[in-house]
Amino acid sequence: MTAHRITSDLVGPPEPYSAHAPLEDGDDRIARGLVHGDEHCLAAAYRRWGRLVHTLAARALGDPREAEDVTQQVFVAAWRGRAGFRPERGTLPAWLTGITRRKIADALTARTRRTELAATLGAALEHEARTAEQPERILDRMVVTEELARLPRVQRDVLELAYFADLTQTQIADRTGMPLGTVKSHARRGLQRMRHGLALAAAEG
């Protein structure tokens, strides 16, 4: 079972986070179990600290849906990088908080990249419209951009990283914390949906 599957299929929501909650003996067992690859300890860590991670991400990003993506990425990254955690050097919540900060930074970088991409594309379309050159290309870009915007968020992000940031699927997996197979699946489904949408647009003239 992969970390992505675990964090997707957890039973029950994260426990409400309290900054004043006392450290329990079970926390140390969860941390050490996680290091040794115990999937139940990953699920327990999510239930106990998932709310903390989501709160930090939501405050930084201002977008609850994006915060949900970051929360899942944090626990996937924690599972994949569990060998690097040393319980004797610090607490699991502190380690998760460090991962959260890095994933928030990645999300903000991706957001900036999307904004710059949109601005660049808009400027290019405006320039081509002014010069009245190759109107077919302008229309094609507008249709492709519209179809890309219709994709589910994860599929859209994967395709943007692949085609606009020029990242390989392996690099996308490292950047997002998703398993490589999941990245490939999102890319394939996104392209299939875009082809279907473009075919319909062509049929409609």
N, C-alpha and C. Protein backbone atom coordinates (compact mmCIF):
# COMPACT_ATOMS: atom_id res chain seq x y z
N MET A 1 0.85 -1.20 0.00
CA MET A 1 0.00 0.00 0.00
C MET A 1 0.88 1.25 0.00
N THR A 2 0.58 2.20 -0.84
CA THR A 2 1.39 3.41 -0.94
C THR A 2 0.91 4.45 0.05
N ALA A 3 1.78 5.46 0.30
CA ALA A 3 1.41 6.55 1.20
C ALA A 3 0.24 7.33 0.64
N HIS A 4 0.22 7.47 -0.69
CA HIS A 4 -0.89 8.20 -1.32
C HIS A 4 -2.21 7.50 -1.04
N ARG A 5 -2.21 6.17 -1.14
CA ARG A 5 -3.43 5.40 -0.87
C ARG A 5 -3.82 5.54 0.60
N ILE A 6 -2.82 5.48 1.48
CA ILE A 6 -3.10 5.56 2.91
C ILE A 6 -3.75 6.89 3.26
N THR A 7 -3.15 7.99 2.82
CA THR A 7 -3.68 9.30 3.18
C THR A 7 -4.99 9.58 2.50
N SER A 8 -5.28 8.89 1.41
CA SER A 8 -6.55 9.08 0.72
C SER A 8 -7.68 8.30 1.39
N ASP A 9 -7.34 7.18 2.01
CA ASP A 9 -8.36 6.27 2.53
C ASP A 9 -8.40 6.23 4.05
N LEU A 10 -7.83 7.20 4.72
CA LEU A 10 -7.83 7.20 6.17
C LEU A 10 -9.25 7.23 6.70
N VAL A 11 -9.47 6.54 7.77
CA VAL A 11 -10.79 6.51 8.39
C VAL A 11 -10.87 7.63 9.41
N GLY A 12 -11.80 8.54 9.23
CA GLY A 12 -11.99 9.62 10.19
C GLY A 12 -11.14 10.82 9.87
N PRO A 13 -11.61 11.99 10.25
CA PRO A 13 -10.88 13.23 9.99
C PRO A 13 -9.75 13.41 10.99
N PRO A 14 -8.83 14.34 10.73
CA PRO A 14 -7.79 14.64 11.71
C PRO A 14 -8.42 15.15 12.98
N GLU A 15 -7.77 14.86 14.11
CA GLU A 15 -8.27 15.38 15.37
C GLU A 15 -8.07 16.88 15.42
N PRO A 16 -8.98 17.63 16.05
CA PRO A 16 -8.81 19.08 16.18
C PRO A 16 -7.48 19.40 16.82
N TYR A 17 -6.78 20.36 16.25
CA TYR A 17 -5.46 20.70 16.76
C TYR A 17 -5.55 21.75 17.84
N SER A 18 -4.82 21.54 18.91
CA SER A 18 -4.71 22.52 19.98
C SER A 18 -3.25 22.78 20.26
N ALA A 19 -2.87 24.05 20.24
CA ALA A 19 -1.47 24.40 20.48
C ALA A 19 -1.05 24.06 21.90
N HIS A 20 -2.01 23.86 22.79
CA HIS A 20 -1.70 23.59 24.19
C HIS A 20 -1.92 22.13 24.57
N ALA A 21 -2.14 21.26 23.56
CA ALA A 21 -2.36 19.85 23.84
C ALA A 21 -1.09 19.23 24.40
N PRO A 22 -1.19 18.45 25.49
CA PRO A 22 0.01 17.85 26.09
C PRO A 22 0.56 16.75 25.21
N LEU A 23 1.85 16.56 25.28
CA LEU A 23 2.50 15.48 24.54
C LEU A 23 2.17 14.17 25.21
N GLU A 24 1.65 13.21 24.47
CA GLU A 24 1.27 11.93 25.04
C GLU A 24 2.35 10.90 24.77
N ASP A 25 2.35 9.87 25.63
CA ASP A 25 3.32 8.80 25.44
C ASP A 25 3.16 8.15 24.08
N GLY A 26 1.91 8.12 23.56
CA GLY A 26 1.66 7.49 22.28
C GLY A 26 2.35 8.20 21.13
N ASP A 27 2.66 9.47 21.30
CA ASP A 27 3.32 10.22 20.23
C ASP A 27 4.66 9.62 19.89
N ASP A 28 5.40 9.21 20.92
CA ASP A 28 6.71 8.62 20.68
C ASP A 28 6.57 7.29 19.96
N ARG A 29 5.56 6.52 20.31
CA ARG A 29 5.34 5.23 19.63
C ARG A 29 4.96 5.44 18.17
N ILE A 30 4.14 6.47 17.92
CA ILE A 30 3.76 6.78 16.54
C ILE A 30 4.99 7.15 15.72
N ALA A 31 5.85 7.99 16.31
CA ALA A 31 7.05 8.44 15.60
C ALA A 31 7.96 7.27 15.26
N ARG A 32 8.21 6.42 16.24
CA ARG A 32 9.13 5.30 16.01
C ARG A 32 8.51 4.26 15.07
N GLY A 33 7.21 4.08 15.18
CA GLY A 33 6.55 3.15 14.27
C GLY A 33 6.60 3.64 12.84
N LEU A 34 6.44 4.96 12.66
CA LEU A 34 6.52 5.54 11.32
C LEU A 34 7.89 5.30 10.71
N VAL A 35 8.93 5.52 11.50
CA VAL A 35 10.29 5.33 11.01
C VAL A 35 10.50 3.89 10.56
N HIS A 36 9.86 2.95 11.23
CA HIS A 36 10.03 1.53 10.90
C HIS A 36 9.03 1.06 9.84
N GLY A 37 8.27 2.00 9.24
CA GLY A 37 7.42 1.64 8.13
C GLY A 37 6.06 1.09 8.51
N ASP A 38 5.58 1.40 9.70
CA ASP A 38 4.27 0.95 10.14
C ASP A 38 3.20 1.87 9.55
N GLU A 39 2.39 1.35 8.62
CA GLU A 39 1.37 2.17 7.96
C GLU A 39 0.32 2.68 8.95
N HIS A 40 0.04 1.90 9.99
CA HIS A 40 -0.94 2.34 10.98
C HIS A 40 -0.44 3.57 11.73
N CYS A 41 0.86 3.68 11.90
CA CYS A 41 1.43 4.85 12.57
C CYS A 41 1.33 6.09 11.68
N LEU A 42 1.44 5.89 10.36
CA LEU A 42 1.23 7.02 9.46
C LEU A 42 -0.21 7.51 9.57
N ALA A 43 -1.16 6.57 9.59
CA ALA A 43 -2.57 6.94 9.73
C ALA A 43 -2.81 7.65 11.05
N ALA A 44 -2.18 7.15 12.12
CA ALA A 44 -2.34 7.80 13.43
C ALA A 44 -1.73 9.19 13.42
N ALA A 45 -0.59 9.35 12.76
CA ALA A 45 0.04 10.67 12.68
C ALA A 45 -0.85 11.65 11.93
N TYR A 46 -1.49 11.16 10.87
CA TYR A 46 -2.40 12.03 10.12
C TYR A 46 -3.57 12.47 10.99
N ARG A 47 -4.17 11.52 11.70
CA ARG A 47 -5.32 11.88 12.53
C ARG A 47 -4.93 12.85 13.64
N ARG A 48 -3.71 12.72 14.15
CA ARG A 48 -3.31 13.55 15.28
C ARG A 48 -2.80 14.92 14.84
N TRP A 49 -2.06 14.98 13.72
CA TRP A 49 -1.42 16.24 13.33
C TRP A 49 -1.85 16.76 11.97
N GLY A 50 -2.77 16.05 11.31
CA GLY A 50 -3.24 16.53 10.01
C GLY A 50 -3.89 17.89 10.11
N ARG A 51 -4.63 18.15 11.18
CA ARG A 51 -5.29 19.44 11.35
C ARG A 51 -4.27 20.56 11.51
N LEU A 52 -3.19 20.28 12.23
CA LEU A 52 -2.12 21.27 12.38
C LEU A 52 -1.52 21.63 11.02
N VAL A 53 -1.20 20.61 10.23
CA VAL A 53 -0.62 20.83 8.90
C VAL A 53 -1.57 21.64 8.03
N HIS A 54 -2.84 21.24 8.03
CA HIS A 54 -3.83 21.94 7.20
C HIS A 54 -3.99 23.39 7.65
N THR A 55 -3.98 23.64 8.94
CA THR A 55 -4.12 25.01 9.45
C THR A 55 -2.95 25.88 9.00
N LEU A 56 -1.74 25.36 9.10
CA LEU A 56 -0.56 26.13 8.68
C LEU A 56 -0.63 26.43 7.18
N ALA A 57 -1.02 25.42 6.39
CA ALA A 57 -1.09 25.61 4.94
C ALA A 57 -2.19 26.60 4.56
N ALA A 58 -3.34 26.49 5.21
CA ALA A 58 -4.45 27.38 4.89
C ALA A 58 -4.12 28.83 5.23
N ARG A 59 -3.44 29.04 6.33
CA ARG A 59 -3.05 30.41 6.71
C ARG A 59 -2.06 31.00 5.71
N ALA A 60 -1.15 30.18 5.25
CA ALA A 60 -0.11 30.68 4.34
C ALA A 60 -0.64 30.87 2.92
N LEU A 61 -1.53 29.98 2.49
CA LEU A 61 -1.99 29.99 1.10
C LEU A 61 -3.32 30.72 0.91
N GLY A 62 -4.11 30.80 1.97
CA GLY A 62 -5.40 31.46 1.84
C GLY A 62 -6.39 30.72 0.98
N ASP A 63 -6.18 29.43 0.79
CA ASP A 63 -7.04 28.62 -0.08
C ASP A 63 -7.22 27.25 0.56
N PRO A 64 -8.39 26.96 1.12
CA PRO A 64 -8.61 25.67 1.80
C PRO A 64 -8.37 24.46 0.90
N ARG A 65 -8.77 24.55 -0.37
CA ARG A 65 -8.59 23.41 -1.27
C ARG A 65 -7.10 23.18 -1.54
N GLU A 66 -6.35 24.26 -1.73
CA GLU A 66 -4.92 24.12 -1.94
C GLU A 66 -4.25 23.60 -0.67
N ALA A 67 -4.76 24.03 0.49
CA ALA A 67 -4.24 23.54 1.76
C ALA A 67 -4.46 22.04 1.91
N GLU A 68 -5.58 21.53 1.40
CA GLU A 68 -5.84 20.10 1.43
C GLU A 68 -4.81 19.35 0.59
N ASP A 69 -4.48 19.90 -0.57
CA ASP A 69 -3.47 19.28 -1.42
C ASP A 69 -2.12 19.23 -0.70
N VAL A 70 -1.76 20.35 -0.08
CA VAL A 70 -0.48 20.43 0.63
C VAL A 70 -0.46 19.43 1.80
N THR A 71 -1.57 19.32 2.52
CA THR A 71 -1.64 18.40 3.65
C THR A 71 -1.35 16.97 3.21
N GLN A 72 -1.97 16.56 2.09
CA GLN A 72 -1.71 15.22 1.60
C GLN A 72 -0.26 15.07 1.16
N GLN A 73 0.27 16.09 0.50
CA GLN A 73 1.66 16.03 0.06
C GLN A 73 2.62 15.89 1.24
N VAL A 74 2.31 16.57 2.35
CA VAL A 74 3.17 16.52 3.53
C VAL A 74 3.26 15.09 4.07
N PHE A 75 2.12 14.42 4.19
CA PHE A 75 2.14 13.07 4.78
C PHE A 75 2.69 12.04 3.79
N VAL A 76 2.48 12.26 2.50
CA VAL A 76 3.14 11.40 1.51
C VAL A 76 4.65 11.56 1.60
N ALA A 77 5.11 12.82 1.69
CA ALA A 77 6.55 13.09 1.81
C ALA A 77 7.11 12.52 3.10
N ALA A 78 6.33 12.60 4.19
CA ALA A 78 6.79 12.06 5.46
C ALA A 78 6.98 10.54 5.37
N TRP A 79 6.03 9.89 4.69
CA TRP A 79 6.15 8.43 4.53
C TRP A 79 7.34 8.06 3.68
N ARG A 80 7.49 8.77 2.57
CA ARG A 80 8.60 8.45 1.66
C ARG A 80 9.95 8.81 2.27
N GLY A 81 9.98 9.85 3.10
CA GLY A 81 11.25 10.29 3.69
C GLY A 81 11.42 9.89 5.15
N ARG A 82 10.65 8.88 5.59
CA ARG A 82 10.66 8.52 7.02
C ARG A 82 12.03 8.09 7.53
N ALA A 83 12.86 7.57 6.63
CA ALA A 83 14.19 7.13 7.06
C ALA A 83 15.05 8.31 7.52
N GLY A 84 14.69 9.51 7.09
CA GLY A 84 15.46 10.68 7.47
C GLY A 84 15.04 11.30 8.78
N PHE A 85 13.96 10.79 9.39
CA PHE A 85 13.50 11.34 10.66
C PHE A 85 14.21 10.66 11.82
N ARG A 86 14.68 11.45 12.78
CA ARG A 86 15.36 10.94 13.96
C ARG A 86 14.59 11.36 15.20
N PRO A 87 13.77 10.47 15.77
CA PRO A 87 12.96 10.83 16.95
C PRO A 87 13.78 11.38 18.10
N GLU A 88 15.03 10.92 18.21
CA GLU A 88 15.86 11.39 19.33
C GLU A 88 16.33 12.83 19.14
N ARG A 89 16.17 13.35 17.93
CA ARG A 89 16.63 14.73 17.66
C ARG A 89 15.50 15.76 17.69
N GLY A 90 14.27 15.30 17.69
CA GLY A 90 13.16 16.24 17.70
C GLY A 90 11.84 15.50 17.60
N THR A 91 10.77 16.23 17.83
CA THR A 91 9.45 15.61 17.82
C THR A 91 8.93 15.45 16.41
N LEU A 92 8.00 14.52 16.25
CA LEU A 92 7.38 14.31 14.95
C LEU A 92 6.59 15.54 14.48
N PRO A 93 5.82 16.22 15.36
CA PRO A 93 5.12 17.44 14.91
C PRO A 93 6.07 18.49 14.37
N ALA A 94 7.24 18.65 15.00
CA ALA A 94 8.21 19.64 14.53
C ALA A 94 8.74 19.24 13.15
N TRP A 95 8.98 17.95 12.95
CA TRP A 95 9.46 17.47 11.65
C TRP A 95 8.40 17.68 10.58
N LEU A 96 7.17 17.36 10.91
CA LEU A 96 6.07 17.56 9.96
C LEU A 96 5.89 19.04 9.63
N THR A 97 6.09 19.90 10.62
CA THR A 97 5.98 21.34 10.38
C THR A 97 7.05 21.80 9.40
N GLY A 98 8.26 21.26 9.52
CA GLY A 98 9.32 21.60 8.57
C GLY A 98 8.97 21.18 7.16
N ILE A 99 8.42 19.96 7.01
CA ILE A 99 7.99 19.50 5.68
C ILE A 99 6.88 20.40 5.16
N THR A 100 5.98 20.79 6.05
CA THR A 100 4.86 21.66 5.64
C THR A 100 5.37 22.97 5.08
N ARG A 101 6.34 23.57 5.74
CA ARG A 101 6.89 24.84 5.25
C ARG A 101 7.47 24.68 3.84
N ARG A 102 8.14 23.57 3.60
CA ARG A 102 8.72 23.36 2.27
C ARG A 102 7.63 23.15 1.22
N LYS A 103 6.59 22.41 1.57
CA LYS A 103 5.50 22.19 0.62
C LYS A 103 4.71 23.47 0.36
N ILE A 104 4.57 24.31 1.38
CA ILE A 104 3.92 25.61 1.19
C ILE A 104 4.74 26.46 0.22
N ALA A 105 6.05 26.45 0.41
CA ALA A 105 6.92 27.21 -0.50
C ALA A 105 6.80 26.71 -1.93
N ASP A 106 6.72 25.37 -2.10
CA ASP A 106 6.55 24.81 -3.43
C ASP A 106 5.22 25.24 -4.04
N ALA A 107 4.16 25.26 -3.21
CA ALA A 107 2.84 25.65 -3.71
C ALA A 107 2.82 27.11 -4.13
N LEU A 108 3.49 27.96 -3.35
CA LEU A 108 3.55 29.38 -3.70
C LEU A 108 4.36 29.59 -4.98
N THR A 109 5.43 28.80 -5.13
CA THR A 109 6.24 28.90 -6.35
C THR A 109 5.42 28.47 -7.57
N ALA A 110 4.66 27.37 -7.42
CA ALA A 110 3.82 26.90 -8.52
C ALA A 110 2.74 27.93 -8.86
N ARG A 111 2.19 28.57 -7.83
CA ARG A 111 1.17 29.60 -8.06
C ARG A 111 1.76 30.77 -8.83
N THR A 112 2.97 31.20 -8.44
CA THR A 112 3.63 32.29 -9.14
C THR A 112 3.91 31.92 -10.59
N ARG A 113 4.33 30.66 -10.79
CA ARG A 113 4.62 30.20 -12.15
C ARG A 113 3.36 30.22 -13.01
N ARG A 114 2.22 29.81 -12.42
CA ARG A 114 0.97 29.82 -13.18
C ARG A 114 0.56 31.25 -13.52
N THR A 115 0.77 32.16 -12.58
CA THR A 115 0.41 33.56 -12.83
C THR A 115 1.28 34.15 -13.94
N GLU A 116 2.58 33.86 -13.88
CA GLU A 116 3.49 34.35 -14.91
C GLU A 116 3.15 33.74 -16.27
N LEU A 117 2.79 32.46 -16.25
CA LEU A 117 2.43 31.79 -17.51
C LEU A 117 1.19 32.45 -18.12
N ALA A 118 0.19 32.70 -17.27
CA ALA A 118 -1.03 33.33 -17.76
C ALA A 118 -0.74 34.72 -18.32
N ALA A 119 0.12 35.47 -17.62
CA ALA A 119 0.46 36.81 -18.08
C ALA A 119 1.21 36.76 -19.41
N THR A 120 2.15 35.81 -19.52
CA THR A 120 2.91 35.67 -20.76
C THR A 120 2.01 35.28 -21.92
N LEU A 121 1.13 34.32 -21.66
CA LEU A 121 0.22 33.88 -22.71
C LEU A 121 -0.72 35.01 -23.11
N GLY A 122 -1.21 35.75 -22.11
CA GLY A 122 -2.10 36.87 -22.41
C GLY A 122 -1.42 37.93 -23.25
N ALA A 123 -0.15 38.23 -22.91
CA ALA A 123 0.59 39.23 -23.67
C ALA A 123 0.82 38.76 -25.10
N ALA A 124 1.12 37.45 -25.25
CA ALA A 124 1.34 36.92 -26.59
C ALA A 124 0.07 36.98 -27.43
N LEU A 125 -1.05 36.63 -26.82
CA LEU A 125 -2.32 36.68 -27.54
C LEU A 125 -2.67 38.11 -27.92
N GLU A 126 -2.42 39.03 -27.01
CA GLU A 126 -2.72 40.44 -27.31
C GLU A 126 -1.86 40.94 -28.46
N HIS A 127 -0.58 40.56 -28.44
CA HIS A 127 0.32 40.99 -29.51
C HIS A 127 -0.13 40.41 -30.85
N GLU A 128 -0.48 39.14 -30.86
CA GLU A 128 -0.90 38.52 -32.12
C GLU A 128 -2.22 39.11 -32.61
N ALA A 129 -3.08 39.46 -31.65
CA ALA A 129 -4.36 40.07 -32.04
C ALA A 129 -4.13 41.43 -32.68
N ARG A 130 -3.18 42.19 -32.11
CA ARG A 130 -2.91 43.53 -32.65
C ARG A 130 -2.32 43.45 -34.05
N THR A 131 -1.44 42.49 -34.26
CA THR A 131 -0.77 42.40 -35.56
C THR A 131 -1.59 41.62 -36.58
N ALA A 132 -2.67 41.00 -36.11
CA ALA A 132 -3.57 40.23 -36.99
C ALA A 132 -2.82 39.14 -37.74
N GLU A 133 -1.81 38.56 -37.08
CA GLU A 133 -1.04 37.49 -37.71
C GLU A 133 -1.53 36.13 -37.21
N GLN A 134 -1.68 35.23 -38.11
CA GLN A 134 -2.00 33.85 -37.81
C GLN A 134 -3.18 33.73 -36.85
N PRO A 135 -4.35 34.17 -37.24
CA PRO A 135 -5.51 34.10 -36.35
C PRO A 135 -5.85 32.67 -35.93
N GLU A 136 -5.51 31.69 -36.77
CA GLU A 136 -5.79 30.31 -36.40
C GLU A 136 -5.00 29.91 -35.15
N ARG A 137 -3.76 30.39 -35.08
CA ARG A 137 -2.94 30.06 -33.91
C ARG A 137 -3.51 30.70 -32.65
N ILE A 138 -4.02 31.91 -32.76
CA ILE A 138 -4.63 32.57 -31.61
C ILE A 138 -5.82 31.76 -31.11
N LEU A 139 -6.66 31.35 -32.05
CA LEU A 139 -7.83 30.56 -31.68
C LEU A 139 -7.42 29.23 -31.05
N ASP A 140 -6.41 28.58 -31.64
CA ASP A 140 -5.95 27.31 -31.09
C ASP A 140 -5.47 27.47 -29.66
N ARG A 141 -4.70 28.52 -29.39
CA ARG A 141 -4.20 28.74 -28.04
C ARG A 141 -5.33 29.00 -27.06
N MET A 142 -6.30 29.77 -27.50
CA MET A 142 -7.42 30.07 -26.62
C MET A 142 -8.20 28.80 -26.28
N VAL A 143 -8.40 27.94 -27.27
CA VAL A 143 -9.13 26.69 -27.05
C VAL A 143 -8.35 25.78 -26.12
N VAL A 144 -7.04 25.64 -26.35
CA VAL A 144 -6.21 24.78 -25.50
C VAL A 144 -6.19 25.30 -24.07
N THR A 145 -6.04 26.61 -23.91
CA THR A 145 -6.03 27.20 -22.57
C THR A 145 -7.35 26.96 -21.86
N GLU A 146 -8.44 27.09 -22.60
CA GLU A 146 -9.76 26.87 -22.00
C GLU A 146 -9.93 25.41 -21.58
N GLU A 147 -9.50 24.48 -22.43
CA GLU A 147 -9.63 23.07 -22.09
C GLU A 147 -8.75 22.72 -20.90
N LEU A 148 -7.56 23.31 -20.82
CA LEU A 148 -6.66 23.05 -19.69
C LEU A 148 -7.29 23.53 -18.39
N ALA A 149 -7.94 24.69 -18.44
CA ALA A 149 -8.58 25.24 -17.25
C ALA A 149 -9.74 24.39 -16.76
N ARG A 150 -10.32 23.57 -17.65
CA ARG A 150 -11.46 22.74 -17.27
C ARG A 150 -11.05 21.45 -16.57
N LEU A 151 -9.78 21.12 -16.63
CA LEU A 151 -9.33 19.87 -16.02
C LEU A 151 -9.41 19.95 -14.50
N PRO A 152 -9.54 18.81 -13.84
CA PRO A 152 -9.41 18.79 -12.38
C PRO A 152 -8.07 19.38 -11.98
N ARG A 153 -8.01 19.97 -10.81
CA ARG A 153 -6.84 20.71 -10.38
C ARG A 153 -5.54 19.89 -10.49
N VAL A 154 -5.56 18.66 -10.00
CA VAL A 154 -4.33 17.88 -9.98
C VAL A 154 -3.86 17.57 -11.39
N GLN A 155 -4.79 17.19 -12.28
CA GLN A 155 -4.41 16.91 -13.67
C GLN A 155 -3.84 18.15 -14.34
N ARG A 156 -4.49 19.31 -14.09
CA ARG A 156 -4.01 20.55 -14.68
C ARG A 156 -2.60 20.89 -14.19
N ASP A 157 -2.37 20.74 -12.89
CA ASP A 157 -1.05 21.06 -12.34
C ASP A 157 0.03 20.15 -12.92
N VAL A 158 -0.28 18.86 -13.06
CA VAL A 158 0.70 17.92 -13.61
C VAL A 158 1.06 18.29 -15.05
N LEU A 159 0.06 18.60 -15.87
CA LEU A 159 0.33 18.95 -17.27
C LEU A 159 1.06 20.28 -17.38
N GLU A 160 0.73 21.24 -16.52
CA GLU A 160 1.43 22.53 -16.56
C GLU A 160 2.90 22.35 -16.18
N LEU A 161 3.17 21.53 -15.16
CA LEU A 161 4.56 21.28 -14.78
C LEU A 161 5.32 20.54 -15.88
N ALA A 162 4.60 19.67 -16.60
CA ALA A 162 5.26 18.89 -17.65
C ALA A 162 5.56 19.74 -18.89
N TYR A 163 4.58 20.55 -19.32
CA TYR A 163 4.73 21.23 -20.60
C TYR A 163 5.18 22.68 -20.49
N PHE A 164 4.90 23.32 -19.36
CA PHE A 164 5.30 24.72 -19.23
C PHE A 164 6.52 24.90 -18.35
N ALA A 165 6.69 24.01 -17.34
CA ALA A 165 7.90 24.07 -16.51
C ALA A 165 8.95 23.09 -17.01
N ASP A 166 8.59 22.28 -18.04
CA ASP A 166 9.52 21.35 -18.68
C ASP A 166 10.11 20.36 -17.68
N LEU A 167 9.27 19.83 -16.79
CA LEU A 167 9.72 18.84 -15.82
C LEU A 167 9.36 17.44 -16.33
N THR A 168 10.22 16.48 -16.01
CA THR A 168 9.90 15.09 -16.31
C THR A 168 8.88 14.60 -15.28
N GLN A 169 8.27 13.45 -15.58
CA GLN A 169 7.29 12.91 -14.64
C GLN A 169 7.95 12.53 -13.31
N THR A 170 9.19 12.10 -13.36
CA THR A 170 9.91 11.80 -12.12
C THR A 170 10.12 13.07 -11.31
N GLN A 171 10.50 14.16 -11.98
CA GLN A 171 10.69 15.43 -11.28
C GLN A 171 9.38 15.95 -10.70
N ILE A 172 8.29 15.74 -11.45
CA ILE A 172 6.97 16.17 -10.94
C ILE A 172 6.63 15.38 -9.68
N ALA A 173 6.91 14.09 -9.67
CA ALA A 173 6.65 13.27 -8.49
C ALA A 173 7.45 13.78 -7.29
N ASP A 174 8.72 14.12 -7.52
CA ASP A 174 9.55 14.66 -6.44
C ASP A 174 9.03 16.01 -5.97
N ARG A 175 8.59 16.85 -6.91
CA ARG A 175 8.12 18.19 -6.57
C ARG A 175 6.82 18.14 -5.78
N THR A 176 5.90 17.28 -6.17
CA THR A 176 4.57 17.26 -5.57
C THR A 176 4.42 16.26 -4.43
N GLY A 177 5.33 15.29 -4.35
CA GLY A 177 5.20 14.26 -3.33
C GLY A 177 4.28 13.12 -3.74
N MET A 178 3.76 13.16 -4.95
CA MET A 178 2.90 12.09 -5.43
C MET A 178 3.75 10.93 -5.95
N PRO A 179 3.27 9.70 -5.82
CA PRO A 179 3.98 8.57 -6.42
C PRO A 179 4.07 8.75 -7.93
N LEU A 180 5.14 8.20 -8.53
CA LEU A 180 5.34 8.35 -9.97
C LEU A 180 4.16 7.78 -10.76
N GLY A 181 3.64 6.64 -10.32
CA GLY A 181 2.50 6.05 -11.02
C GLY A 181 1.28 6.95 -11.01
N THR A 182 1.09 7.67 -9.90
CA THR A 182 -0.04 8.60 -9.81
C THR A 182 0.16 9.78 -10.76
N VAL A 183 1.38 10.28 -10.85
CA VAL A 183 1.68 11.37 -11.80
C VAL A 183 1.37 10.93 -13.22
N LYS A 184 1.82 9.74 -13.58
CA LYS A 184 1.58 9.24 -14.93
C LYS A 184 0.09 9.10 -15.20
N SER A 185 -0.65 8.62 -14.20
CA SER A 185 -2.10 8.45 -14.35
C SER A 185 -2.79 9.79 -14.56
N HIS A 186 -2.42 10.81 -13.76
CA HIS A 186 -3.03 12.13 -13.91
C HIS A 186 -2.69 12.73 -15.28
N ALA A 187 -1.45 12.56 -15.73
CA ALA A 187 -1.05 13.10 -17.03
C ALA A 187 -1.84 12.43 -18.15
N ARG A 188 -1.97 11.11 -18.09
CA ARG A 188 -2.69 10.37 -19.13
C ARG A 188 -4.16 10.77 -19.16
N ARG A 189 -4.80 10.83 -17.99
CA ARG A 189 -6.21 11.18 -17.95
C ARG A 189 -6.44 12.62 -18.37
N GLY A 190 -5.52 13.52 -17.97
CA GLY A 190 -5.66 14.91 -18.37
C GLY A 190 -5.57 15.08 -19.87
N LEU A 191 -4.63 14.40 -20.51
CA LEU A 191 -4.48 14.49 -21.95
C LEU A 191 -5.69 13.88 -22.66
N GLN A 192 -6.21 12.79 -22.12
CA GLN A 192 -7.40 12.19 -22.73
C GLN A 192 -8.59 13.13 -22.67
N ARG A 193 -8.76 13.80 -21.54
CA ARG A 193 -9.88 14.74 -21.41
C ARG A 193 -9.71 15.93 -22.34
N MET A 194 -8.46 16.41 -22.47
CA MET A 194 -8.21 17.54 -23.36
C MET A 194 -8.45 17.14 -24.82
N ARG A 195 -8.01 15.95 -25.20
CA ARG A 195 -8.24 15.50 -26.58
C ARG A 195 -9.73 15.41 -26.87
N HIS A 196 -10.49 14.89 -25.90
CA HIS A 196 -11.93 14.77 -26.07
C HIS A 196 -12.55 16.15 -26.22
N GLY A 197 -12.15 17.10 -25.35
CA GLY A 197 -12.70 18.45 -25.42
C GLY A 197 -12.34 19.16 -26.71
N LEU A 198 -11.10 18.98 -27.17
CA LEU A 198 -10.68 19.61 -28.42
C LEU A 198 -11.39 19.00 -29.61
N ALA A 199 -11.64 17.67 -29.54
CA ALA A 199 -12.38 17.04 -30.63
C ALA A 199 -13.80 17.58 -30.73
N LEU A 200 -14.43 17.79 -29.58
CA LEU A 200 -15.77 18.35 -29.58
C LEU A 200 -15.78 19.78 -30.12
N ALA A 201 -14.74 20.55 -29.71
CA ALA A 201 -14.65 21.93 -30.20
C ALA A 201 -14.46 21.96 -31.71
N ALA A 202 -13.64 21.03 -32.24
CA ALA A 202 -13.43 20.97 -33.68
C ALA A 202 -14.71 20.58 -34.41
N ALA A 203 -15.46 19.65 -33.81
CA ALA A 203 -16.71 19.20 -34.44
C ALA A 203 -17.74 20.31 -34.48
N GLU A 204 -17.67 21.20 -33.48
CA GLU A 204 -18.62 22.30 -33.43
C GLU A 204 -18.20 23.47 -34.32
N GLY A 205 -17.03 23.33 -34.92
CA GLY A 205 -16.58 24.36 -35.84
C GLY A 205 -15.75 25.43 -35.21
